[in-house]
Amino acid sequence: MKSADLLTDAFTRVRETVHSAVEGLSSADLQARLDDGANSIGWLVWHLTRVQDDHVSDASGVEQVWFSEDWAARFDLPFPKGATGYGHSSADVAAVRVGSAELLLGYHDAVHQRTLAFVRGLDNKALDRIVDEAWSPPVTLGVRLISVVSDDLQHAGQAAFVRGALERR
């Protein structure tokens, strides 16, 4: 198996988990929180998708799908346009009001397609490229992509947990 195939499989698993957690939910379900400090499914999936979009776009040198396909306007969130959810407070989480599952999945799928187009062209040498020198040791593209997959799967799993809890109420 080539590195590109492995990354394609990993990001596809993220997409499958996201779809399983979101498909068929109402806007109210997407905004529901298990308690006042918990993250909603809408926020979790929006956030994981924003981070993936931000990191993959930066690594590939292209504009984020959030901007290039005008998802920022479609979501119309009360944050600076470049916000990814990093550092959000409980009030910020509550402010993420996603209009529909289709909107959320549409953005995620657009980012997924852009991600696959990028990772399918990578080889082992490309994964050794330094993408962030602010860390010691500097972060390679391979490490950055695995970090995104790890973060995405954690948040997608949290969204699936919240869905399961909501379905048992």
Protein backbone atom coordinates (compact mmCIF):
# COMPACT_ATOMS: atom_id res chain seq x y z
CA MET A 1 0.00 0.00 0.00
CA LYS A 2 1.29 3.45 -0.91
CA SER A 3 1.21 6.39 1.49
CA ALA A 4 -1.37 8.12 -0.71
CA ASP A 5 -3.65 5.08 -0.49
CA LEU A 6 -3.29 4.96 3.29
CA LEU A 7 -4.16 8.66 3.65
CA THR A 8 -7.08 8.31 1.25
CA ASP A 9 -8.43 5.45 3.35
CA ALA A 10 -7.98 7.40 6.59
CA PHE A 11 -9.77 10.52 5.35
CA THR A 12 -12.52 8.36 3.84
CA ARG A 13 -13.09 6.79 7.26
CA VAL A 14 -13.48 10.30 8.70
CA ARG A 15 -16.11 11.07 6.03
CA GLU A 16 -17.99 7.84 6.72
CA THR A 17 -18.08 8.55 10.47
CA VAL A 18 -19.22 12.13 9.88
CA HIS A 19 -22.03 11.00 7.58
CA SER A 20 -23.14 8.34 10.05
CA ALA A 21 -23.28 10.94 12.84
CA VAL A 22 -25.10 13.63 10.82
CA GLU A 23 -27.37 12.13 8.14
CA GLY A 24 -31.07 12.59 8.80
CA LEU A 25 -30.68 14.98 11.73
CA SER A 26 -32.77 18.11 12.06
CA SER A 27 -31.29 21.53 12.71
CA ALA A 28 -32.45 21.20 16.32
CA ASP A 29 -30.62 17.87 16.63
CA LEU A 30 -27.44 19.42 15.21
CA GLN A 31 -27.59 22.19 17.82
CA ALA A 32 -28.55 20.00 20.79
CA ARG A 33 -26.04 19.81 23.63
CA LEU A 34 -25.98 17.15 26.32
CA ASP A 35 -25.39 19.92 28.86
CA ASP A 36 -24.55 23.63 28.81
CA GLY A 37 -20.82 22.97 28.49
CA ALA A 38 -20.97 20.23 25.87
CA ASN A 39 -20.27 20.48 22.16
CA SER A 40 -23.10 19.99 19.69
CA ILE A 41 -22.92 17.70 16.68
CA GLY A 42 -23.12 20.75 14.43
CA TRP A 43 -20.20 22.44 16.14
CA LEU A 44 -18.09 19.27 16.25
CA VAL A 45 -18.47 18.51 12.54
CA TRP A 46 -18.16 22.17 11.50
CA HIS A 47 -14.97 22.47 13.59
CA LEU A 48 -13.32 19.26 12.37
CA THR A 49 -14.11 20.23 8.79
CA ARG A 50 -12.82 23.77 9.24
CA VAL A 51 -9.53 22.48 10.69
CA GLN A 52 -9.14 19.95 7.88
CA ASP A 53 -9.90 22.64 5.29
CA ASP A 54 -7.46 25.08 6.91
CA HIS A 55 -4.59 22.62 7.30
CA VAL A 56 -4.90 20.83 3.97
CA SER A 57 -5.33 24.11 2.08
CA ASP A 58 -2.26 25.55 3.78
CA ALA A 59 -0.21 22.44 2.99
CA SER A 60 -1.33 22.36 -0.63
CA GLY A 61 -1.03 26.10 -1.22
CA VAL A 62 -4.62 26.67 -2.28
CA GLU A 63 -7.46 28.78 -0.93
CA GLN A 64 -9.71 27.11 1.63
CA VAL A 65 -12.95 25.63 0.32
CA TRP A 66 -14.65 27.72 3.04
CA PHE A 67 -13.80 30.81 0.98
CA SER A 68 -13.41 29.56 -2.60
CA GLU A 69 -16.85 27.93 -2.63
CA ASP A 70 -18.47 30.58 -0.37
CA TRP A 71 -19.36 28.23 2.47
CA ALA A 72 -18.63 31.05 4.93
CA ALA A 73 -21.61 33.00 3.56
CA ARG A 74 -23.83 29.91 3.50
CA PHE A 75 -23.17 29.17 7.16
CA ASP A 76 -23.33 32.86 8.16
CA LEU A 77 -21.74 32.33 11.56
CA PRO A 78 -21.14 35.21 14.00
CA PHE A 79 -17.35 34.82 13.97
CA PRO A 80 -14.49 36.20 11.93
CA LYS A 81 -14.62 34.48 8.52
CA GLY A 82 -11.38 32.56 9.17
CA ALA A 83 -12.52 31.04 12.50
CA THR A 84 -12.05 27.29 12.83
CA GLY A 85 -13.48 26.77 16.30
CA TYR A 86 -10.09 26.53 17.97
CA GLY A 87 -10.36 28.16 21.40
CA HIS A 88 -14.13 28.53 21.23
CA SER A 89 -15.98 29.09 24.48
CA SER A 90 -19.24 27.41 25.45
CA ALA A 91 -21.09 30.51 24.21
CA ASP A 92 -19.28 30.25 20.86
CA VAL A 93 -20.30 26.60 20.55
CA ALA A 94 -23.92 27.60 21.21
CA ALA A 95 -23.66 30.25 18.48
CA VAL A 96 -22.94 27.65 15.78
CA ARG A 97 -26.42 27.21 14.34
CA VAL A 98 -26.30 24.90 11.33
CA GLY A 99 -29.37 25.21 9.11
CA SER A 100 -29.45 21.59 7.97
CA ALA A 101 -27.60 18.32 7.84
CA GLU A 102 -27.29 18.80 4.08
CA LEU A 103 -25.45 22.10 4.54
CA LEU A 104 -23.02 20.58 7.03
CA LEU A 105 -22.41 17.47 4.94
CA GLY A 106 -22.11 19.53 1.78
CA TYR A 107 -19.23 21.50 3.26
CA HIS A 108 -17.61 18.39 4.69
CA ASP A 109 -17.87 16.55 1.36
CA ALA A 110 -16.38 19.51 -0.53
CA VAL A 111 -13.41 19.55 1.86
CA HIS A 112 -13.13 15.77 1.63
CA GLN A 113 -12.94 15.89 -2.17
CA ARG A 114 -10.27 18.61 -2.04
CA THR A 115 -8.35 16.59 0.56
CA LEU A 116 -8.42 13.41 -1.53
CA ALA A 117 -7.31 15.29 -4.64
CA PHE A 118 -4.30 16.52 -2.66
CA VAL A 119 -3.29 13.33 -0.83
CA ARG A 120 -3.66 11.08 -3.89
CA GLY A 121 -0.73 12.90 -5.46
CA LEU A 122 1.62 12.49 -2.51
CA ASP A 123 4.57 10.15 -2.19
CA ASN A 124 6.85 9.41 0.75
CA LYS A 125 9.27 12.17 -0.20
CA ALA A 126 6.46 14.76 -0.21
CA LEU A 127 5.44 13.69 3.29
CA ASP A 128 8.89 14.66 4.60
CA ARG A 129 8.42 18.33 3.58
CA ILE A 130 8.48 20.71 6.54
CA VAL A 131 5.16 22.59 6.78
CA ASP A 132 5.52 24.26 10.19
CA GLU A 133 8.80 25.40 11.70
CA ALA A 134 7.17 26.83 14.83
CA TRP A 135 7.55 23.46 16.59
CA SER A 136 10.59 21.56 17.77
CA PRO A 137 11.11 19.39 15.87
CA PRO A 138 9.53 21.09 12.85
CA VAL A 139 6.30 19.50 11.61
CA THR A 140 6.41 17.52 8.38
CA LEU A 141 3.50 17.20 5.99
CA GLY A 142 3.07 13.55 7.00
CA VAL A 143 2.85 14.42 10.69
CA ARG A 144 0.42 17.29 9.96
CA LEU A 145 -1.90 15.05 7.94
CA ILE A 146 -1.91 12.31 10.59
CA SER A 147 -2.64 14.98 13.20
CA VAL A 148 -5.64 16.12 11.16
CA VAL A 149 -6.90 12.55 10.78
CA SER A 150 -6.50 11.93 14.51
CA ASP A 151 -8.30 15.13 15.49
CA ASP A 152 -11.04 14.53 12.91
CA LEU A 153 -11.72 10.99 14.10
CA GLN A 154 -11.88 12.09 17.73
CA HIS A 155 -14.41 14.82 16.95
CA ALA A 156 -16.41 12.60 14.59
CA GLY A 157 -16.54 9.95 17.32
CA GLN A 158 -17.76 12.56 19.80
CA ALA A 159 -20.48 13.57 17.33
CA ALA A 160 -21.51 9.91 16.98
CA PHE A 161 -21.65 9.62 20.77
CA VAL A 162 -23.85 12.71 21.05
CA ARG A 163 -26.16 11.35 18.36
CA GLY A 164 -26.48 8.07 20.23
CA ALA A 165 -27.28 9.90 23.47
CA LEU A 166 -29.90 12.04 21.71
CA GLU A 167 -31.52 8.98 20.16
CA ARG A 168 -31.89 7.37 23.62
CA ARG A 169 -33.63 10.40 25.14
